PDB file of N, CA and C in Angstrom:
ATOM      1  N   MET A   1     177.131  75.992  54.359  1.00  0.00           N
ATOM      2  CA  MET A   1     176.574  74.974  54.985  1.00  0.00           C
ATOM      3  C   MET A   1     175.530  74.146  54.447  1.00  0.00           C
ATOM      4  N   MET A   2     175.508  72.723  54.112  1.00  0.00           N
ATOM      5  CA  MET A   2     174.638  72.141  53.188  1.00  0.00           C
ATOM      6  C   MET A   2     173.609  71.675  54.032  1.00  0.00           C
ATOM      7  N   ASN A   3     172.182  71.799  53.185  1.00  0.00           N
ATOM      8  CA  ASN A   3     171.099  71.260  53.630  1.00  0.00           C
ATOM      9  C   ASN A   3     170.503  69.685  53.439  1.00  0.00           C
ATOM     10  N   GLY A   4     171.886  69.128  53.815  1.00  0.00           N
ATOM     11  CA  GLY A   4     171.340  67.447  53.415  1.00  0.00           C
ATOM     12  C   GLY A   4     171.493  67.080  51.811  1.00  0.00           C
ATOM     13  N   GLY A   5     172.112  67.986  50.908  1.00  0.00           N
ATOM     14  CA  GLY A   5     172.068  67.583  49.515  1.00  0.00           C
ATOM     15  C   GLY A   5     171.085  68.071  48.707  1.00  0.00           C
ATOM     16  N   MET A   6     170.097  68.981  49.667  1.00  0.00           N
ATOM     17  CA  MET A   6     168.701  69.179  48.337  1.00  0.00           C
ATOM     18  C   MET A   6     168.875  71.044  48.521  1.00  0.00           C
ATOM     19  N   ASP A   7     170.282  71.460  47.983  1.00  0.00           N
ATOM     20  CA  ASP A   7     169.748  72.672  47.970  1.00  0.00           C
ATOM     21  C   ASP A   7     169.097  73.462  47.038  1.00  0.00           C
ATOM     22  N   GLY A   8     168.853  72.878  45.928  1.00  0.00           N
ATOM     23  CA  GLY A   8     167.860  73.350  44.760  1.00  0.00           C
ATOM     24  C   GLY A   8     166.563  73.228  44.496  1.00  0.00           C
ATOM     25  N   MET A   9     166.383  71.788  45.338  1.00  0.00           N
ATOM     26  CA  MET A   9     164.992  70.936  45.241  1.00  0.00           C
ATOM     27  C   MET A   9     163.928  71.811  45.628  1.00  0.00           C
ATOM     28  N   GLY A  10     164.367  72.465  46.587  1.00  0.00           N
ATOM     29  CA  GLY A  10     162.896  73.438  47.461  1.00  0.00           C
ATOM     30  C   GLY A  10     162.010  73.931  46.165  1.00  0.00           C
ATOM     31  N   GLY A  11     163.163  74.961  45.822  1.00  0.00           N
ATOM     32  CA  GLY A  11     162.737  76.020  44.501  1.00  0.00           C
ATOM     33  C   GLY A  11     161.893  75.112  43.369  1.00  0.00           C
ATOM     34  N   MET A  12     162.486  73.955  42.704  1.00  0.00           N
ATOM     35  CA  MET A  12     162.024  73.522  41.809  1.00  0.00           C
ATOM     36  C   MET A  12     160.896  72.871  42.127  1.00  0.00           C
ATOM     37  N   MET A  13     160.483  72.366  43.265  1.00  0.00           N
ATOM     38  CA  MET A  13     159.353  71.598  43.377  1.00  0.00           C
ATOM     39  C   MET A  13     158.637  72.786  43.811  1.00  0.00           C
ATOM     40  N   LEU A  14     158.745  73.972  44.196  1.00  0.00           N
ATOM     41  CA  LEU A  14     157.633  74.797  43.975  1.00  0.00           C
ATOM     42  C   LEU A  14     157.295  75.397  42.432  1.00  0.00           C
ATOM     43  N   ALA A  15     158.330  75.568  42.006  1.00  0.00           N
ATOM     44  CA  ALA A  15     158.171  76.127  40.299  1.00  0.00           C
ATOM     45  C   ALA A  15     157.144  74.927  39.510  1.00  0.00           C
ATOM     46  N   TRP A  16     157.101  73.460  40.147  1.00  0.00           N
ATOM     47  CA  TRP A  16     156.462  72.086  39.714  1.00  0.00           C
ATOM     48  C   TRP A  16     154.838  72.391  39.891  1.00  0.00           C
ATOM     49  N   MET A  17     154.959  73.005  41.051  1.00  0.00           N
ATOM     50  CA  MET A  17     153.488  73.091  41.749  1.00  0.00           C
ATOM     51  C   MET A  17     152.411  74.375  41.255  1.00  0.00           C
ATOM     52  N   ILE A  18     153.755  75.318  41.172  1.00  0.00           N
ATOM     53  CA  ILE A  18     153.270  76.620  40.052  1.00  0.00           C
ATOM     54  C   ILE A  18     152.576  76.204  39.035  1.00  0.00           C
ATOM     55  N   LEU A  19     153.663  75.536  38.268  1.00  0.00           N
ATOM     56  CA  LEU A  19     153.123  75.101  36.655  1.00  0.00           C
ATOM     57  C   LEU A  19     151.925  73.921  36.687  1.00  0.00           C
ATOM     58  N   TRP A  20     151.831  73.288  37.373  1.00  0.00           N
ATOM     59  CA  TRP A  20     150.835  72.255  37.295  1.00  0.00           C
ATOM     60  C   TRP A  20     149.350  72.590  37.822  1.00  0.00           C
ATOM     61  N   GLY A  21     149.662  73.699  38.941  1.00  0.00           N
ATOM     62  CA  GLY A  21     148.093  74.465  39.401  1.00  0.00           C
ATOM     63  C   GLY A  21     147.772  75.353  37.958  1.00  0.00           C
ATOM     64  N   ALA A  22     148.663  76.007  37.014  1.00  0.00           N
ATOM     65  CA  ALA A  22     148.413  77.003  36.374  1.00  0.00           C
ATOM     66  C   ALA A  22     147.629  75.776  35.317  1.00  0.00           C
ATOM     67  N   VAL A  23     148.381  74.857  35.019  1.00  0.00           N
ATOM     68  CA  VAL A  23     147.546  73.827  33.732  1.00  0.00           C
ATOM     69  C   VAL A  23     146.176  73.364  34.542  1.00  0.00           C
ATOM     70  N   ALA A  24     145.940  73.101  35.407  1.00  0.00           N
ATOM     71  CA  ALA A  24     144.759  72.515  36.281  1.00  0.00           C
ATOM     72  C   ALA A  24     143.622  73.699  35.978  1.00  0.00           C
ATOM     73  N   VAL A  25     144.000  75.087  36.330  1.00  0.00           N
ATOM     74  CA  VAL A  25     143.465  76.318  35.979  1.00  0.00           C
ATOM     75  C   VAL A  25     142.705  76.390  34.482  1.00  0.00           C
ATOM     76  N   ALA A  26     143.733  76.080  33.742  1.00  0.00           N
ATOM     77  CA  ALA A  26     143.588  76.368  32.291  1.00  0.00           C
ATOM     78  C   ALA A  26     142.510  75.226  31.563  1.00  0.00           C
ATOM     79  N   LEU A  27     142.747  74.059  32.426  1.00  0.00           N
ATOM     80  CA  LEU A  27     141.899  73.094  31.818  1.00  0.00           C
ATOM     81  C   LEU A  27     140.676  73.196  32.638  1.00  0.00           C
ATOM     82  N   ILE A  28     140.301  73.749  33.628  1.00  0.00           N
ATOM     83  CA  ILE A  28     139.210  74.111  34.098  1.00  0.00           C
ATOM     84  C   ILE A  28     138.080  75.163  33.660  1.00  0.00           C
ATOM     85  N   GLY A  29     138.995  76.302  33.153  1.00  0.00           N
ATOM     86  CA  GLY A  29     138.672  77.405  32.346  1.00  0.00           C
ATOM     87  C   GLY A  29     137.931  77.094  30.949  1.00  0.00           C
ATOM     88  N   PHE A  30     138.812  75.801  30.084  1.00  0.00           N
ATOM     89  CA  PHE A  30     138.346  75.642  29.029  1.00  0.00           C
ATOM     90  C   PHE A  30     136.974  74.667  28.929  1.00  0.00           C
ATOM     91  N   ALA A  31     136.619  74.059  30.196  1.00  0.00           N
ATOM     92  CA  ALA A  31     135.381  73.323  30.151  1.00  0.00           C
ATOM     93  C   ALA A  31     134.600  74.184  30.222  1.00  0.00           C
ATOM     94  N   VAL A  32     134.843  75.166  31.419  1.00  0.00           N
ATOM     95  CA  VAL A  32     133.954  76.187  31.482  1.00  0.00           C
ATOM     96  C   VAL A  32     133.401  77.143  29.996  1.00  0.00           C
ATOM     97  N   VAL A  33     134.116  77.362  29.378  1.00  0.00           N
ATOM     98  CA  VAL A  33     134.158  78.021  28.360  1.00  0.00           C
ATOM     99  C   VAL A  33     133.397  77.237  27.050  1.00  0.00           C
ATOM    100  N   GLY A  34     133.698  75.996  27.510  1.00  0.00           N
ATOM    101  CA  GLY A  34     132.964  74.798  26.274  1.00  0.00           C
ATOM    102  C   GLY A  34     131.603  74.602  26.951  1.00  0.00           C
ATOM    103  N   ILE A  35     131.236  74.465  28.211  1.00  0.00           N
ATOM    104  CA  ILE A  35     130.125  74.227  28.319  1.00  0.00           C
ATOM    105  C   ILE A  35     128.927  75.163  28.100  1.00  0.00           C
ATOM    106  N   VAL A  36     129.262  76.647  28.627  1.00  0.00           N
ATOM    107  CA  VAL A  36     128.465  77.843  28.320  1.00  0.00           C
ATOM    108  C   VAL A  36     128.379  78.129  27.260  1.00  0.00           C
ATOM    109  N   THR A  37     129.297  77.438  25.858  1.00  0.00           N
ATOM    110  CA  THR A  37     129.373  77.551  24.885  1.00  0.00           C
ATOM    111  C   THR A  37     128.149  76.496  24.106  1.00  0.00           C
ATOM    112  N   MET A  38     128.444  75.560  24.682  1.00  0.00           N
ATOM    113  CA  MET A  38     126.996  74.493  23.981  1.00  0.00           C
ATOM    114  C   MET A  38     125.977  74.886  24.454  1.00  0.00           C
ATOM    115  N   VAL A  39     125.632  75.771  25.705  1.00  0.00           N
ATOM    116  CA  VAL A  39     124.263  75.700  26.779  1.00  0.00           C
ATOM    117  C   VAL A  39     123.632  77.045  25.707  1.00  0.00           C
ATOM    118  N   ARG A  40     124.515  78.071  25.391  1.00  0.00           N
ATOM    119  CA  ARG A  40     123.908  78.862  24.603  1.00  0.00           C
ATOM    120  C   ARG A  40     123.602  79.041  23.165  1.00  0.00           C
ATOM    121  N   ARG A  41     124.468  77.800  22.619  1.00  0.00           N
ATOM    122  CA  ARG A  41     123.919  77.185  21.208  1.00  0.00           C
ATOM    123  C   ARG A  41     122.771  76.384  21.393  1.00  0.00           C
ATOM    124  N   GLY A  42     122.801  75.744  21.803  1.00  0.00           N
ATOM    125  CA  GLY A  42     121.441  74.729  22.142  1.00  0.00           C
ATOM    126  C   GLY A  42     120.102  75.336  22.563  1.00  0.00           C
ATOM    127  N   GLY A  43     120.681  76.305  23.438  1.00  0.00           N
ATOM    128  CA  GLY A  43     118.972  76.721  24.416  1.00  0.00           C
ATOM    129  C   GLY A  43     118.303  77.507  23.963  1.00  0.00           C
ATOM    130  N   SER A  44     118.229  78.113  22.729  1.00  0.00           N
ATOM    131  CA  SER A  44     117.466  78.899  21.995  1.00  0.00           C
ATOM    132  C   SER A  44     116.654  78.163  20.560  1.00  0.00           C
ATOM    133  N   ASP A  45     115.317  78.593  20.927  1.00  0.00           N
ATOM    134  CA  ASP A  45     114.693  78.029  19.731  1.00  0.00           C
ATOM    135  C   ASP A  45     114.759  79.167  18.764  1.00  0.00           C
ATOM    136  N   ARG A  46     114.662  80.273  18.169  1.00  0.00           N
ATOM    137  CA  ARG A  46     114.817  81.521  17.534  1.00  0.00           C
ATOM    138  C   ARG A  46     116.098  81.057  16.815  1.00  0.00           C
ATOM    139  N   ASP A  47     117.239  80.314  17.022  1.00  0.00           N
ATOM    140  CA  ASP A  47     118.420  80.011  16.656  1.00  0.00           C
ATOM    141  C   ASP A  47     118.300  78.670  15.727  1.00  0.00           C
ATOM    142  N   ARG A  48     117.147  78.029  15.789  1.00  0.00           N
ATOM    143  CA  ARG A  48     116.885  76.887  15.242  1.00  0.00           C
ATOM    144  C   ARG A  48     116.220  77.017  13.819  1.00  0.00           C
ATOM    145  N   MET A  49     116.345  76.294  13.035  1.00  0.00           N
ATOM    146  CA  MET A  49     116.123  76.202  11.686  1.00  0.00           C
ATOM    147  C   MET A  49     114.631  75.566  11.620  1.00  0.00           C
ATOM    148  N   PRO A  50     113.259  76.683  11.102  1.00  0.00           N
ATOM    149  CA  PRO A  50     112.292  75.960  11.600  1.00  0.00           C
ATOM    150  C   PRO A  50     111.863  74.800  10.403  1.00  0.00           C
ATOM    151  N   ALA A  51     111.034  74.209  11.067  1.00  0.00           N
ATOM    152  CA  ALA A  51     110.452  72.746  10.354  1.00  0.00           C
ATOM    153  C   ALA A  51     110.001  73.069   8.648  1.00  0.00           C
ATOM    154  N   ALA A  52     110.453  72.293   7.980  1.00  0.00           N
ATOM    155  CA  ALA A  52     110.153  72.391   6.587  1.00  0.00           C
ATOM    156  C   ALA A  52     108.277  71.979   6.790  1.00  0.00           C
ATOM    157  N   GLU A  53     107.609  73.292   5.863  1.00  0.00           N
ATOM    158  CA  GLU A  53     105.885  72.659   5.373  1.00  0.00           C
ATOM    159  C   GLU A  53     105.977  71.107   4.312  1.00  0.00           C
ATOM    160  N   SER A  54     105.179  70.801   4.608  1.00  0.00           N
ATOM    161  CA  SER A  54     104.817  69.541   3.618  1.00  0.00           C
ATOM    162  C   SER A  54     103.883  70.659   2.481  1.00  0.00           C
ATOM    163  N   SER A  55     103.983  69.683   1.183  1.00  0.00           N
ATOM    164  CA  SER A  55     103.084  70.321   0.299  1.00  0.00           C
ATOM    165  C   SER A  55     101.759  70.967   0.270  1.00  0.00           C
ATOM    166  N   ASP A  56     101.004  69.886   1.321  1.00  0.00           N
ATOM    167  CA  ASP A  56      99.599  69.998   1.751  1.00  0.00           C
ATOM    168  C   ASP A  56      99.648  71.492   2.629  1.00  0.00           C
ATOM    169  N   GLU A  57     100.180  71.139   3.296  1.00  0.00           N
ATOM    170  CA  GLU A  57     100.258  72.805   4.446  1.00  0.00           C
ATOM    171  C   GLU A  57     100.491  73.902   3.763  1.00  0.00           C
ATOM    172  N   VAL A  58     101.566  73.681   2.726  1.00  0.00           N
ATOM    173  CA  VAL A  58     102.046  75.211   1.998  1.00  0.00           C
ATOM    174  C   VAL A  58     100.500  75.462   0.960  1.00  0.00           C
ATOM    175  N   LEU A  59      99.742  74.454   0.679  1.00  0.00           N
ATOM    176  CA  LEU A  59      98.891  74.320  -0.322  1.00  0.00           C
ATOM    177  C   LEU A  59      97.711  75.438   0.681  1.00  0.00           C
ATOM    178  N   ARG A  60      97.602  74.691   1.846  1.00  0.00           N
ATOM    179  CA  ARG A  60      95.835  75.065   2.384  1.00  0.00           C
ATOM    180  C   ARG A  60      96.686  76.702   2.863  1.00  0.00           C
ATOM    181  N   ARG A  61      97.873  76.959   3.440  1.00  0.00           N
ATOM    182  CA  ARG A  61      98.110  78.089   3.477  1.00  0.00           C
ATOM    183  C   ARG A  61      98.064  79.088   2.402  1.00  0.00           C
ATOM    184  N   ARG A  62      98.260  78.737   1.205  1.00  0.00           N
ATOM    185  CA  ARG A  62      97.831  79.625   0.095  1.00  0.00           C
ATOM    186  C   ARG A  62      96.997  79.670   0.007  1.00  0.00           C
ATOM    187  N   TYR A  63      95.624  78.967  -0.036  1.00  0.00           N
ATOM    188  CA  TYR A  63      94.314  79.155  -0.276  1.00  0.00           C
ATOM    189  C   TYR A  63      93.928  80.221   0.878  1.00  0.00           C
ATOM    190  N   ALA A  64      93.936  79.642   2.319  1.00  0.00           N
ATOM    191  CA  ALA A  64      93.884  80.727   3.201  1.00  0.00           C
ATOM    192  C   ALA A  64      94.336  81.994   2.954  1.00  0.00           C
ATOM    193  N   ALA A  65      95.603  82.435   2.002  1.00  0.00           N
ATOM    194  CA  ALA A  65      95.998  83.608   2.475  1.00  0.00           C
ATOM    195  C   ALA A  65      95.134  84.279   1.008  1.00  0.00           C
ATOM    196  N   GLY A  66      94.282  83.263   0.247  1.00  0.00           N
ATOM    197  CA  GLY A  66      93.991  84.044  -1.091  1.00  0.00           C
ATOM    198  C   GLY A  66      94.996  84.089  -1.959  1.00  0.00           C
ATOM    199  N   ASP A  67      95.974  82.966  -2.113  1.00  0.00           N
ATOM    200  CA  ASP A  67      96.981  83.482  -3.341  1.00  0.00           C
ATOM    201  C   ASP A  67      96.261  82.453  -4.639  1.00  0.00           C
ATOM    202  N   ILE A  68      95.664  81.335  -4.072  1.00  0.00           N
ATOM    203  CA  ILE A  68      94.697  80.501  -5.052  1.00  0.00           C
ATOM    204  C   ILE A  68      93.522  80.337  -4.950  1.00  0.00           C
ATOM    205  N   ASP A  69      92.610  80.184  -5.337  1.00  0.00           N
ATOM    206  CA  ASP A  69      91.305  80.017  -5.564  1.00  0.00           C
ATOM    207  C   ASP A  69      90.761  78.604  -5.323  1.00  0.00           C
ATOM    208  N   GLN A  70      89.452  78.214  -4.840  1.00  0.00           N
ATOM    209  CA  GLN A  70      89.116  76.972  -4.687  1.00  0.00           C
ATOM    210  C   GLN A  70      89.485  76.012  -6.161  1.00  0.00           C
ATOM    211  N   GLU A  71      89.186  75.896  -6.957  1.00  0.00           N
ATOM    212  CA  GLU A  71      89.240  75.699  -8.246  1.00  0.00           C
ATOM    213  C   GLU A  71      90.624  74.897  -8.142  1.00  0.00           C
ATOM    214  N   GLU A  72      91.714  76.169  -8.279  1.00  0.00           N
ATOM    215  CA  GLU A  72      93.388  75.719  -8.207  1.00  0.00           C
ATOM    216  C   GLU A  72      93.336  74.537  -7.313  1.00  0.00           C
ATOM    217  N   PHE A  73      93.227  75.390  -6.023  1.00  0.00           N
ATOM    218  CA  PHE A  73      93.189  74.853  -4.620  1.00  0.00           C
ATOM    219  C   PHE A  73      93.204  72.824  -4.760  1.00  0.00           C
ATOM    220  N   GLU A  74      92.013  72.884  -5.583  1.00  0.00           N
ATOM    221  CA  GLU A  74      91.425  71.198  -5.342  1.00  0.00           C
ATOM    222  C   GLU A  74      92.096  70.642  -6.031  1.00  0.00           C
ATOM    223  N   THR A  75      92.436  71.298  -7.459  1.00  0.00           N
ATOM    224  CA  THR A  75      93.074  70.597  -8.502  1.00  0.00           C
ATOM    225  C   THR A  75      94.661  70.293  -8.345  1.00  0.00           C
ATOM    226  N   ARG A  76      95.198  71.222  -7.422  1.00  0.00           N
ATOM    227  CA  ARG A  76      96.507  70.864  -6.785  1.00  0.00           C
ATOM    228  C   ARG A  76      96.431  70.011  -5.935  1.00  0.00           C
ATOM    229  N   ARG A  77      95.739  69.667  -4.751  1.00  0.00           N
ATOM    230  CA  ARG A  77      95.447  68.541  -4.063  1.00  0.00           C
ATOM    231  C   ARG A  77      95.113  67.768  -4.760  1.00  0.00           C
ATOM    232  N   ALA A  78      94.430  67.289  -5.512  1.00  0.00           N
ATOM    233  CA  ALA A  78      94.157  66.060  -6.221  1.00  0.00           C
ATOM    234  C   ALA A  78      95.814  65.647  -7.044  1.00  0.00           C
ATOM    235  N   GLY A  79      96.561  66.636  -7.357  1.00  0.00           N
ATOM    236  CA  GLY A  79      97.521  66.258  -8.104  1.00  0.00           C
ATOM    237  C   GLY A  79      98.451  65.772  -7.337  1.00  0.00           C
ATOM    238  N   LEU A  80      98.749  66.276  -5.642  1.00  0.00           N
ATOM    239  CA  LEU A  80      99.246  65.932  -5.025  1.00  0.00           C
ATOM    240  C   LEU A  80      98.824  64.537  -4.004  1.00  0.00           C
ATOM    241  N   LYS A  81      97.769  64.016  -4.378  1.00  0.00           N
ATOM    242  CA  LYS A  81      97.297  62.911  -3.868  1.00  0.00           C
ATOM    243  C   LYS A  81      97.504  61.852  -4.738  1.00  0.00           C
ATOM    244  N   GLY A  82      97.637  62.019  -5.958  1.00  0.00           N
ATOM    245  CA  GLY A  82      97.922  61.098  -6.523  1.00  0.00           C
ATOM    246  C   GLY A  82      98.159  60.435  -8.356  1.00  0.00           C
TER     247      GLY A  82
END
């Protein structure tokens, strides 16, 4: 007995629906993983490089720490200015 000439079409349609459903799930999964990865990389300040200190800041920090005396501090500062 024939079903109007569509004997194998029902199974083929089901296979295509399952295939496209799997593709949709995979695309959504990739999108979620990508978003989570971007958020984790950009969300933490400790992962970022600290801003570079200017020469004047380095000089002041060294003077404050006692690495150089006042005379050397002033000499180097004058050299930086000009």
